[in-house]
C-alpha cells in the first residue's frame, strides 16, 4: 500500500495536499500578477522559466487555472499522446 501512495499523482483527489491554498495574488492594472518568492522557491521557478496555463471549464464557467512548467507539460503531453498515436498508427497499418 505504501508503494501505491507514493505513486499517486499530486492531483489525485485522495492526495493529502491536493487543494492546498499556497498564496493569494492580486492582478494589477496591466493584468500581471506576482508569484510570491516563497512559492517560486518551493516550485524551483527562476527568472525566464516558462509556464503553461491550462483551464478547466464546468457548465460554461471557468473552474480553475492550472500552471505547469512548459517542459514538464510537454513531457506529460508526449506521455499521453505518444501511446495514443502509436495505437492509431498500429491500427492504420493493420487495416492496410
PDB file of N, CA and C in Angstrom:
ATOM      1  N   UNK A   1       0.808  -1.191   0.000  1.00  0.00           N
ATOM      2  CA  UNK A   1       0.000   0.000   0.000  1.00  0.00           C
ATOM      3  C   UNK A   1       0.853   1.258   0.000  1.00  0.00           C
ATOM      4  N   UNK A   2       2.003   1.222   0.649  1.00  0.00           N
ATOM      5  CA  UNK A   2       2.892   2.377   0.668  1.00  0.00           C
ATOM      6  C   UNK A   2       3.356   2.723  -0.736  1.00  0.00           C
ATOM      7  N   UNK A   3       3.628   1.678  -1.573  1.00  0.00           N
ATOM      8  CA  UNK A   3       4.042   1.923  -2.951  1.00  0.00           C
ATOM      9  C   UNK A   3       2.959   2.653  -3.720  1.00  0.00           C
ATOM     10  N   UNK A   4       1.700   2.254  -3.539  1.00  0.00           N
ATOM     11  CA  UNK A   4       0.586   2.882  -4.239  1.00  0.00           C
ATOM     12  C   UNK A   4       0.472   4.352  -3.833  1.00  0.00           C
ATOM     13  N   UNK A   5       0.631   4.645  -2.550  1.00  0.00           N
ATOM     14  CA  UNK A   5       0.544   6.017  -2.073  1.00  0.00           C
ATOM     15  C   UNK A   5       1.660   6.870  -2.640  1.00  0.00           C
ATOM     16  N   UNK A   6       2.858   6.318  -2.786  1.00  0.00           N
ATOM     17  CA  UNK A   6       3.985   7.065  -3.315  1.00  0.00           C
ATOM     18  C   UNK A   6       3.812   7.363  -4.794  1.00  0.00           C
ATOM     19  N   UNK A   7       3.120   6.532  -5.539  1.00  0.00           N
ATOM     20  CA  UNK A   7       2.968   6.691  -6.974  1.00  0.00           C
ATOM     21  C   UNK A   7       1.816   7.616  -7.350  1.00  0.00           C
ATOM     22  N   UNK A   8       0.996   8.035  -6.376  1.00  0.00           N
ATOM     23  CA  UNK A   8      -0.133   8.884  -6.685  1.00  0.00           C
ATOM     24  C   UNK A   8       0.337  10.212  -7.244  1.00  0.00           C
ATOM     25  N   UNK A   9      -0.377  10.696  -8.252  1.00  0.00           N
ATOM     26  CA  UNK A   9      -0.097  11.994  -8.837  1.00  0.00           C
ATOM     27  C   UNK A   9      -0.543  13.070  -7.861  1.00  0.00           C
ATOM     28  N   UNK A  10       0.077  14.225  -7.913  1.00  0.00           N
ATOM     29  CA  UNK A  10      -0.267  15.285  -6.968  1.00  0.00           C
ATOM     30  C   UNK A  10      -1.710  15.754  -7.115  1.00  0.00           C
ATOM     31  N   UNK A  11      -2.326  15.515  -8.256  1.00  0.00           N
ATOM     32  CA  UNK A  11      -3.704  15.979  -8.470  1.00  0.00           C
ATOM     33  C   UNK A  11      -4.730  14.889  -8.222  1.00  0.00           C
ATOM     34  N   UNK A  12      -4.301  13.752  -7.687  1.00  0.00           N
ATOM     35  CA  UNK A  12      -5.232  12.689  -7.350  1.00  0.00           C
ATOM     36  C   UNK A  12      -6.117  13.177  -6.205  1.00  0.00           C
ATOM     37  N   UNK A  13      -7.444  13.053  -6.349  1.00  0.00           N
ATOM     38  CA  UNK A  13      -8.344  13.579  -5.309  1.00  0.00           C
ATOM     39  C   UNK A  13      -8.028  13.110  -3.897  1.00  0.00           C
ATOM     40  N   UNK A  14      -7.478  11.917  -3.741  1.00  0.00           N
ATOM     41  CA  UNK A  14      -7.205  11.423  -2.393  1.00  0.00           C
ATOM     42  C   UNK A  14      -5.852  11.883  -1.860  1.00  0.00           C
ATOM     43  N   UNK A  15      -5.076  12.605  -2.661  1.00  0.00           N
ATOM     44  CA  UNK A  15      -3.785  13.093  -2.192  1.00  0.00           C
ATOM     45  C   UNK A  15      -3.999  14.052  -1.022  1.00  0.00           C
ATOM     46  N   UNK A  16      -3.150  13.963  -0.018  1.00  0.00           N
ATOM     47  CA  UNK A  16      -3.333  14.719   1.219  1.00  0.00           C
ATOM     48  C   UNK A  16      -3.355  16.230   1.018  1.00  0.00           C
ATOM     49  N   UNK A  17      -2.516  16.748   0.141  1.00  0.00           N
ATOM     50  CA  UNK A  17      -2.435  18.196  -0.033  1.00  0.00           C
ATOM     51  C   UNK A  17      -2.940  18.626  -1.405  1.00  0.00           C
ATOM     52  N   UNK A  18      -3.928  17.954  -1.918  1.00  0.00           N
ATOM     53  CA  UNK A  18      -4.426  18.198  -3.259  1.00  0.00           C
ATOM     54  C   UNK A  18      -4.857  19.632  -3.490  1.00  0.00           C
ATOM     55  N   UNK A  19      -5.601  20.193  -2.600  1.00  0.00           N
ATOM     56  CA  UNK A  19      -6.189  21.508  -2.826  1.00  0.00           C
ATOM     57  C   UNK A  19      -5.700  22.534  -1.822  1.00  0.00           C
ATOM     58  N   UNK A  20      -4.450  22.480  -1.495  1.00  0.00           N
ATOM     59  CA  UNK A  20      -3.872  23.401  -0.521  1.00  0.00           C
ATOM     60  C   UNK A  20      -3.741  24.794  -1.144  1.00  0.00           C
ATOM     61  N   UNK A  21      -4.201  25.814  -0.447  1.00  0.00           N
ATOM     62  CA  UNK A  21      -4.042  27.192  -0.905  1.00  0.00           C
ATOM     63  C   UNK A  21      -2.622  27.619  -0.561  1.00  0.00           C
ATOM     64  N   UNK A  22      -1.842  27.923  -1.575  1.00  0.00           N
ATOM     65  CA  UNK A  22      -0.447  28.309  -1.367  1.00  0.00           C
ATOM     66  C   UNK A  22      -0.307  29.805  -1.142  1.00  0.00           C
ATOM     67  N   UNK A  23      -1.094  30.599  -1.854  1.00  0.00           N
ATOM     68  CA  UNK A  23      -1.000  32.047  -1.702  1.00  0.00           C
ATOM     69  C   UNK A  23      -2.202  32.688  -2.383  1.00  0.00           C
ATOM     70  N   UNK A  24      -2.371  33.963  -2.107  1.00  0.00           N
ATOM     71  CA  UNK A  24      -3.375  34.769  -2.796  1.00  0.00           C
ATOM     72  C   UNK A  24      -2.604  35.873  -3.503  1.00  0.00           C
ATOM     73  N   UNK A  25      -2.866  36.056  -4.790  1.00  0.00           N
ATOM     74  CA  UNK A  25      -2.171  37.079  -5.568  1.00  0.00           C
ATOM     75  C   UNK A  25      -3.180  38.089  -6.090  1.00  0.00           C
ATOM     76  N   UNK A  26      -2.689  39.268  -6.431  1.00  0.00           N
ATOM     77  CA  UNK A  26      -3.523  40.334  -6.973  1.00  0.00           C
ATOM     78  C   UNK A  26      -3.089  40.607  -8.401  1.00  0.00           C
ATOM     79  N   UNK A  27      -4.045  40.800  -9.278  1.00  0.00           N
ATOM     80  CA  UNK A  27      -3.753  41.155 -10.659  1.00  0.00           C
ATOM     81  C   UNK A  27      -3.739  42.673 -10.747  1.00  0.00           C
ATOM     82  N   UNK A  28      -2.650  43.230 -11.308  1.00  0.00           N
ATOM     83  CA  UNK A  28      -2.534  44.687 -11.373  1.00  0.00           C
ATOM     84  C   UNK A  28      -3.245  45.251 -12.602  1.00  0.00           C
ATOM     85  N   UNK A  29      -3.145  46.553 -12.787  1.00  0.00           N
ATOM     86  CA  UNK A  29      -3.822  47.234 -13.893  1.00  0.00           C
ATOM     87  C   UNK A  29      -3.379  46.742 -15.259  1.00  0.00           C
ATOM     88  N   UNK A  30      -2.174  46.196 -15.340  1.00  0.00           N
ATOM     89  CA  UNK A  30      -1.662  45.677 -16.617  1.00  0.00           C
ATOM     90  C   UNK A  30      -1.995  44.206 -16.821  1.00  0.00           C
ATOM     91  N   UNK A  31      -2.732  43.613 -15.875  1.00  0.00           N
ATOM     92  CA  UNK A  31      -3.105  42.204 -15.982  1.00  0.00           C
ATOM     93  C   UNK A  31      -2.011  41.259 -15.515  1.00  0.00           C
ATOM     94  N   UNK A  32      -1.029  41.783 -14.805  1.00  0.00           N
ATOM     95  CA  UNK A  32       0.076  40.963 -14.326  1.00  0.00           C
ATOM     96  C   UNK A  32      -0.114  40.615 -12.861  1.00  0.00           C
ATOM     97  N   UNK A  33       0.509  39.511 -12.479  1.00  0.00           N
ATOM     98  CA  UNK A  33       0.500  39.121 -11.073  1.00  0.00           C
ATOM     99  C   UNK A  33       1.892  38.639 -10.703  1.00  0.00           C
ATOM    100  N   UNK A  34       2.181  38.673  -9.441  1.00  0.00           N
ATOM    101  CA  UNK A  34       3.486  38.236  -8.944  1.00  0.00           C
ATOM    102  C   UNK A  34       3.284  36.983  -8.115  1.00  0.00           C
ATOM    103  N   UNK A  35       4.048  35.948  -8.437  1.00  0.00           N
ATOM    104  CA  UNK A  35       4.059  34.754  -7.596  1.00  0.00           C
ATOM    105  C   UNK A  35       4.994  35.046  -6.423  1.00  0.00           C
ATOM    106  N   UNK A  36       4.535  34.863  -5.217  1.00  0.00           N
ATOM    107  CA  UNK A  36       5.377  35.147  -4.058  1.00  0.00           C
ATOM    108  C   UNK A  36       6.687  34.361  -4.084  1.00  0.00           C
ATOM    109  N   UNK A  37       7.719  34.991  -3.547  1.00  0.00           N
ATOM    110  CA  UNK A  37       9.060  34.406  -3.532  1.00  0.00           C
ATOM    111  C   UNK A  37       9.064  33.001  -2.927  1.00  0.00           C
ATOM    112  N   UNK A  38       8.347  32.820  -1.821  1.00  0.00           N
ATOM    113  CA  UNK A  38       8.325  31.513  -1.145  1.00  0.00           C
ATOM    114  C   UNK A  38       7.766  30.432  -2.072  1.00  0.00           C
ATOM    115  N   UNK A  39       6.738  30.783  -2.842  1.00  0.00           N
ATOM    116  CA  UNK A  39       6.144  29.821  -3.773  1.00  0.00           C
ATOM    117  C   UNK A  39       7.088  29.533  -4.936  1.00  0.00           C
ATOM    118  N   UNK A  40       7.731  30.581  -5.461  1.00  0.00           N
ATOM    119  CA  UNK A  40       8.707  30.375  -6.549  1.00  0.00           C
ATOM    120  C   UNK A  40       9.840  29.472  -6.083  1.00  0.00           C
ATOM    121  N   UNK A  41      10.323  29.714  -4.879  1.00  0.00           N
ATOM    122  CA  UNK A  41      11.410  28.884  -4.349  1.00  0.00           C
ATOM    123  C   UNK A  41      10.949  27.445  -4.147  1.00  0.00           C
ATOM    124  N   UNK A  42       9.770  27.275  -3.592  1.00  0.00           N
ATOM    125  CA  UNK A  42       9.229  25.934  -3.351  1.00  0.00           C
ATOM    126  C   UNK A  42       9.080  25.166  -4.665  1.00  0.00           C
ATOM    127  N   UNK A  43       8.663  25.879  -5.725  1.00  0.00           N
ATOM    128  CA  UNK A  43       8.464  25.256  -7.030  1.00  0.00           C
ATOM    129  C   UNK A  43       9.745  25.206  -7.855  1.00  0.00           C
ATOM    130  N   UNK A  44      10.798  25.847  -7.367  1.00  0.00           N
ATOM    131  CA  UNK A  44      12.058  25.868  -8.110  1.00  0.00           C
ATOM    132  C   UNK A  44      11.979  26.723  -9.365  1.00  0.00           C
ATOM    133  N   UNK A  45      11.146  27.748  -9.345  1.00  0.00           N
ATOM    134  CA  UNK A  45      10.989  28.629 -10.503  1.00  0.00           C
ATOM    135  C   UNK A  45      11.996  29.763 -10.436  1.00  0.00           C
ATOM    136  N   UNK A  46      12.599  30.060 -11.575  1.00  0.00           N
ATOM    137  CA  UNK A  46      13.560  31.159 -11.668  1.00  0.00           C
ATOM    138  C   UNK A  46      13.194  32.034 -12.860  1.00  0.00           C
ATOM    139  N   UNK A  47      13.775  33.226 -12.891  1.00  0.00           N
ATOM    140  CA  UNK A  47      13.515  34.159 -13.984  1.00  0.00           C
ATOM    141  C   UNK A  47      13.764  33.467 -15.327  1.00  0.00           C
ATOM    142  N   UNK A  48      12.842  33.651 -16.255  1.00  0.00           N
ATOM    143  CA  UNK A  48      12.971  33.054 -17.583  1.00  0.00           C
ATOM    144  C   UNK A  48      12.252  31.730 -17.742  1.00  0.00           C
ATOM    145  N   UNK A  49      11.864  31.082 -16.639  1.00  0.00           N
ATOM    146  CA  UNK A  49      11.106  29.834 -16.747  1.00  0.00           C
ATOM    147  C   UNK A  49       9.782  30.106 -17.449  1.00  0.00           C
ATOM    148  N   UNK A  50       9.342  29.156 -18.241  1.00  0.00           N
ATOM    149  CA  UNK A  50       8.074  29.287 -18.956  1.00  0.00           C
ATOM    150  C   UNK A  50       7.043  28.379 -18.295  1.00  0.00           C
ATOM    151  N   UNK A  51       5.828  28.917 -18.144  1.00  0.00           N
ATOM    152  CA  UNK A  51       4.730  28.167 -17.560  1.00  0.00           C
ATOM    153  C   UNK A  51       3.597  28.056 -18.574  1.00  0.00           C
ATOM    154  N   UNK A  52       2.934  26.924 -18.568  1.00  0.00           N
ATOM    155  CA  UNK A  52       1.741  26.699 -19.378  1.00  0.00           C
ATOM    156  C   UNK A  52       0.547  26.909 -18.447  1.00  0.00           C
ATOM    157  N   UNK A  53      -0.419  27.689 -18.895  1.00  0.00           N
ATOM    158  CA  UNK A  53      -1.645  27.891 -18.126  1.00  0.00           C
ATOM    159  C   UNK A  53      -2.737  27.075 -18.801  1.00  0.00           C
ATOM    160  N   UNK A  54      -3.301  26.138 -18.084  1.00  0.00           N
ATOM    161  CA  UNK A  54      -4.399  25.305 -18.604  1.00  0.00           C
ATOM    162  C   UNK A  54      -5.634  25.611 -17.766  1.00  0.00           C
ATOM    163  N   UNK A  55      -6.800  25.445 -18.365  1.00  0.00           N
ATOM    164  CA  UNK A  55      -8.038  25.741 -17.651  1.00  0.00           C
ATOM    165  C   UNK A  55      -8.945  24.525 -17.607  1.00  0.00           C
ATOM    166  N   UNK A  56      -9.856  24.570 -16.692  1.00  0.00           N
ATOM    167  CA  UNK A  56     -10.887  23.552 -16.595  1.00  0.00           C
ATOM    168  C   UNK A  56     -12.226  24.274 -16.538  1.00  0.00           C
ATOM    169  N   UNK A  57     -13.130  23.892 -17.440  1.00  0.00           N
ATOM    170  CA  UNK A  57     -14.440  24.525 -17.507  1.00  0.00           C
ATOM    171  C   UNK A  57     -15.501  23.570 -16.977  1.00  0.00           C
ATOM    172  N   UNK A  58     -16.497  24.132 -16.322  1.00  0.00           N
ATOM    173  CA  UNK A  58     -17.627  23.347 -15.846  1.00  0.00           C
ATOM    174  C   UNK A  58     -18.880  24.187 -16.039  1.00  0.00           C
ATOM    175  N   UNK A  59     -19.839  23.633 -16.759  1.00  0.00           N
ATOM    176  CA  UNK A  59     -21.094  24.335 -17.039  1.00  0.00           C
ATOM    177  C   UNK A  59     -20.853  25.705 -17.662  1.00  0.00           C
ATOM    178  N   UNK A  60     -19.867  25.780 -18.560  1.00  0.00           N
ATOM    179  CA  UNK A  60     -19.577  27.021 -19.263  1.00  0.00           C
ATOM    180  C   UNK A  60     -18.842  28.062 -18.447  1.00  0.00           C
ATOM    181  N   UNK A  61     -18.421  27.717 -17.236  1.00  0.00           N
ATOM    182  CA  UNK A  61     -17.700  28.655 -16.387  1.00  0.00           C
ATOM    183  C   UNK A  61     -16.315  28.111 -16.081  1.00  0.00           C
ATOM    184  N   UNK A  62     -15.387  29.030 -15.948  1.00  0.00           N
ATOM    185  CA  UNK A  62     -14.028  28.640 -15.598  1.00  0.00           C
ATOM    186  C   UNK A  62     -14.013  28.048 -14.202  1.00  0.00           C
ATOM    187  N   UNK A  63     -13.578  26.799 -14.115  1.00  0.00           N
ATOM    188  CA  UNK A  63     -13.500  26.127 -12.821  1.00  0.00           C
ATOM    189  C   UNK A  63     -12.224  26.490 -12.093  1.00  0.00           C
ATOM    190  N   UNK A  64     -11.086  26.332 -12.783  1.00  0.00           N
ATOM    191  CA  UNK A  64      -9.818  26.692 -12.173  1.00  0.00           C
ATOM    192  C   UNK A  64      -8.731  26.790 -13.233  1.00  0.00           C
ATOM    193  N   UNK A  65      -7.649  27.430 -12.857  1.00  0.00           N
ATOM    194  CA  UNK A  65      -6.451  27.550 -13.693  1.00  0.00           C
ATOM    195  C   UNK A  65      -5.396  26.629 -13.124  1.00  0.00           C
ATOM    196  N   UNK A  66      -4.631  26.019 -14.001  1.00  0.00           N
ATOM    197  CA  UNK A  66      -3.524  25.166 -13.569  1.00  0.00           C
ATOM    198  C   UNK A  66      -2.259  25.681 -14.246  1.00  0.00           C
ATOM    199  N   UNK A  67      -1.162  25.694 -13.519  1.00  0.00           N
ATOM    200  CA  UNK A  67       0.115  26.093 -14.103  1.00  0.00           C
ATOM    201  C   UNK A  67       1.069  24.915 -14.077  1.00  0.00           C
ATOM    202  N   UNK A  68       1.716  24.701 -15.211  1.00  0.00           N
ATOM    203  CA  UNK A  68       2.707  23.643 -15.347  1.00  0.00           C
ATOM    204  C   UNK A  68       3.971  24.247 -15.935  1.00  0.00           C
ATOM    205  N   UNK A  69       5.108  23.722 -15.556  1.00  0.00           N
ATOM    206  CA  UNK A  69       6.341  24.100 -16.254  1.00  0.00           C
ATOM    207  C   UNK A  69       6.180  23.653 -17.701  1.00  0.00           C
ATOM    208  N   UNK A  70       6.589  24.489 -18.633  1.00  0.00           N
ATOM    209  CA  UNK A  70       6.405  24.171 -20.047  1.00  0.00           C
ATOM    210  C   UNK A  70       7.072  22.841 -20.411  1.00  0.00           C
ATOM    211  N   UNK A  71       8.276  22.608 -19.923  1.00  0.00           N
ATOM    212  CA  UNK A  71       8.980  21.350 -20.231  1.00  0.00           C
ATOM    213  C   UNK A  71       8.249  20.146 -19.655  1.00  0.00           C
ATOM    214  N   UNK A  72       7.760  20.277 -18.417  1.00  0.00           N
ATOM    215  CA  UNK A  72       7.031  19.178 -17.793  1.00  0.00           C
ATOM    216  C   UNK A  72       5.722  18.909 -18.528  1.00  0.00           C
ATOM    217  N   UNK A  73       5.059  19.984 -18.957  1.00  0.00           N
ATOM    218  CA  UNK A  73       3.795  19.836 -19.664  1.00  0.00           C
ATOM    219  C   UNK A  73       4.025  19.116 -20.996  1.00  0.00           C
ATOM    220  N   UNK A  74       5.083  19.492 -21.700  1.00  0.00           N
ATOM    221  CA  UNK A  74       5.398  18.831 -22.970  1.00  0.00           C
ATOM    222  C   UNK A  74       5.628  17.342 -22.744  1.00  0.00           C
ATOM    223  N   UNK A  75       6.332  16.996 -21.662  1.00  0.00           N
ATOM    224  CA  UNK A  75       6.563  15.578 -21.344  1.00  0.00           C
ATOM    225  C   UNK A  75       5.252  14.871 -21.019  1.00  0.00           C
ATOM    226  N   UNK A  76       4.331  15.560 -20.299  1.00  0.00           N
ATOM    227  CA  UNK A  76       3.039  14.958 -19.980  1.00  0.00           C
ATOM    228  C   UNK A  76       2.240  14.701 -21.257  1.00  0.00           C
ATOM    229  N   UNK A  77       2.245  15.677 -22.155  1.00  0.00           N
ATOM    230  CA  UNK A  77       1.510  15.524 -23.416  1.00  0.00           C
ATOM    231  C   UNK A  77       2.088  14.367 -24.223  1.00  0.00           C
ATOM    232  N   UNK A  78       3.411  14.300 -24.305  1.00  0.00           N
ATOM    233  CA  UNK A  78       4.046  13.194 -25.023  1.00  0.00           C
ATOM    234  C   UNK A  78       3.673  11.862 -24.398  1.00  0.00           C
ATOM    235  N   UNK A  79       3.614  11.824 -23.062  1.00  0.00           N
ATOM    236  CA  UNK A  79       3.273  10.593 -22.365  1.00  0.00           C
ATOM    237  C   UNK A  79       1.854  10.131 -22.641  1.00  0.00           C
ATOM    238  N   UNK A  80       0.953  11.074 -22.905  1.00  0.00           N
ATOM    239  CA  UNK A  80      -0.438  10.732 -23.197  1.00  0.00           C
ATOM    240  C   UNK A  80      -0.649  10.542 -24.693  1.00  0.00           C
ATOM    241  N   UNK A  81      -0.185  11.506 -25.475  1.00  0.00           N
ATOM    242  CA  UNK A  81      -0.418  11.477 -26.927  1.00  0.00           C
ATOM    243  C   UNK A  81       0.418  10.400 -27.609  1.00  0.00           C
ATOM    244  N   UNK A  82       1.635  10.190 -27.138  1.00  0.00           N
ATOM    245  CA  UNK A  82       2.517   9.202 -27.763  1.00  0.00           C
ATOM    246  C   UNK A  82       1.885   7.817 -27.862  1.00  0.00           C
ATOM    247  N   UNK A  83       1.427   7.245 -26.744  1.00  0.00           N
ATOM    248  CA  UNK A  83       0.797   5.930 -26.809  1.00  0.00           C
ATOM    249  C   UNK A  83      -0.463   5.913 -27.675  1.00  0.00           C
ATOM    250  N   UNK A  84      -1.236   6.989 -27.638  1.00  0.00           N
ATOM    251  CA  UNK A  84      -2.443   7.064 -28.479  1.00  0.00           C
ATOM    252  C   UNK A  84      -2.048   7.041 -29.947  1.00  0.00           C
ATOM    253  N   UNK A  85      -1.057   7.839 -30.305  1.00  0.00           N
ATOM    254  CA  UNK A  85      -0.624   7.886 -31.713  1.00  0.00           C
ATOM    255  C   UNK A  85      -0.037   6.544 -32.154  1.00  0.00           C
ATOM    256  N   UNK A  86       0.717   5.887 -31.268  1.00  0.00           N
ATOM    257  CA  UNK A  86       1.253   4.564 -31.635  1.00  0.00           C
ATOM    258  C   UNK A  86       0.113   3.593 -31.905  1.00  0.00           C
ATOM    259  N   UNK A  87      -0.943   3.660 -31.083  1.00  0.00           N
ATOM    260  CA  UNK A  87      -2.101   2.794 -31.286  1.00  0.00           C
ATOM    261  C   UNK A  87      -2.778   3.111 -32.613  1.00  0.00           C
ATOM    262  N   UNK A  88      -2.953   4.394 -32.909  1.00  0.00           N
ATOM    263  CA  UNK A  88      -3.577   4.804 -34.176  1.00  0.00           C
ATOM    264  C   UNK A  88      -2.740   4.321 -35.347  1.00  0.00           C
ATOM    265  N   UNK A  89      -1.427   4.504 -35.270  1.00  0.00           N
ATOM    266  CA  UNK A  89      -0.559   4.070 -36.364  1.00  0.00           C
ATOM    267  C   UNK A  89      -0.602   2.555 -36.532  1.00  0.00           C
ATOM    268  N   UNK A  90      -0.633   1.834 -35.407  1.00  0.00           N
ATOM    269  CA  UNK A  90      -0.682   0.363 -35.489  1.00  0.00           C
ATOM    270  C   UNK A  90      -2.004  -0.074 -36.103  1.00  0.00           C
ATOM    271  N   UNK A  91      -3.120   0.552 -35.688  1.00  0.00           N
ATOM    272  CA  UNK A  91      -4.435   0.226 -36.252  1.00  0.00           C
ATOM    273  C   UNK A  91      -4.453   0.522 -37.736  1.00  0.00           C
ATOM    274  N   UNK A  92      -3.847   1.640 -38.131  1.00  0.00           N
ATOM    275  CA  UNK A  92      -3.804   2.029 -39.542  1.00  0.00           C
ATOM    276  C   UNK A  92      -3.023   1.006 -40.350  1.00  0.00           C
ATOM    277  N   UNK A  93      -1.910   0.523 -39.835  1.00  0.00           N
ATOM    278  CA  UNK A  93      -1.090  -0.461 -40.546  1.00  0.00           C
ATOM    279  C   UNK A  93      -1.826  -1.787 -40.654  1.00  0.00           C
ATOM    280  N   UNK A  94      -2.564  -2.168 -39.626  1.00  0.00           N
ATOM    281  CA  UNK A  94      -3.289  -3.438 -39.632  1.00  0.00           C
ATOM    282  C   UNK A  94      -4.420  -3.424 -40.635  1.00  0.00           C
ATOM    283  N   UNK A  95      -5.019  -2.239 -40.898  1.00  0.00           N
ATOM    284  CA  UNK A  95      -6.125  -2.129 -41.838  1.00  0.00           C
ATOM    285  C   UNK A  95      -5.662  -2.272 -43.283  1.00  0.00           C
ATOM    286  N   UNK A  96      -4.401  -1.955 -43.542  1.00  0.00           N
ATOM    287  CA  UNK A  96      -3.885  -1.996 -44.929  1.00  0.00           C
ATOM    288  C   UNK A  96      -3.493  -3.344 -45.367  1.00  0.00           C
TER     289      UNK A  96
END
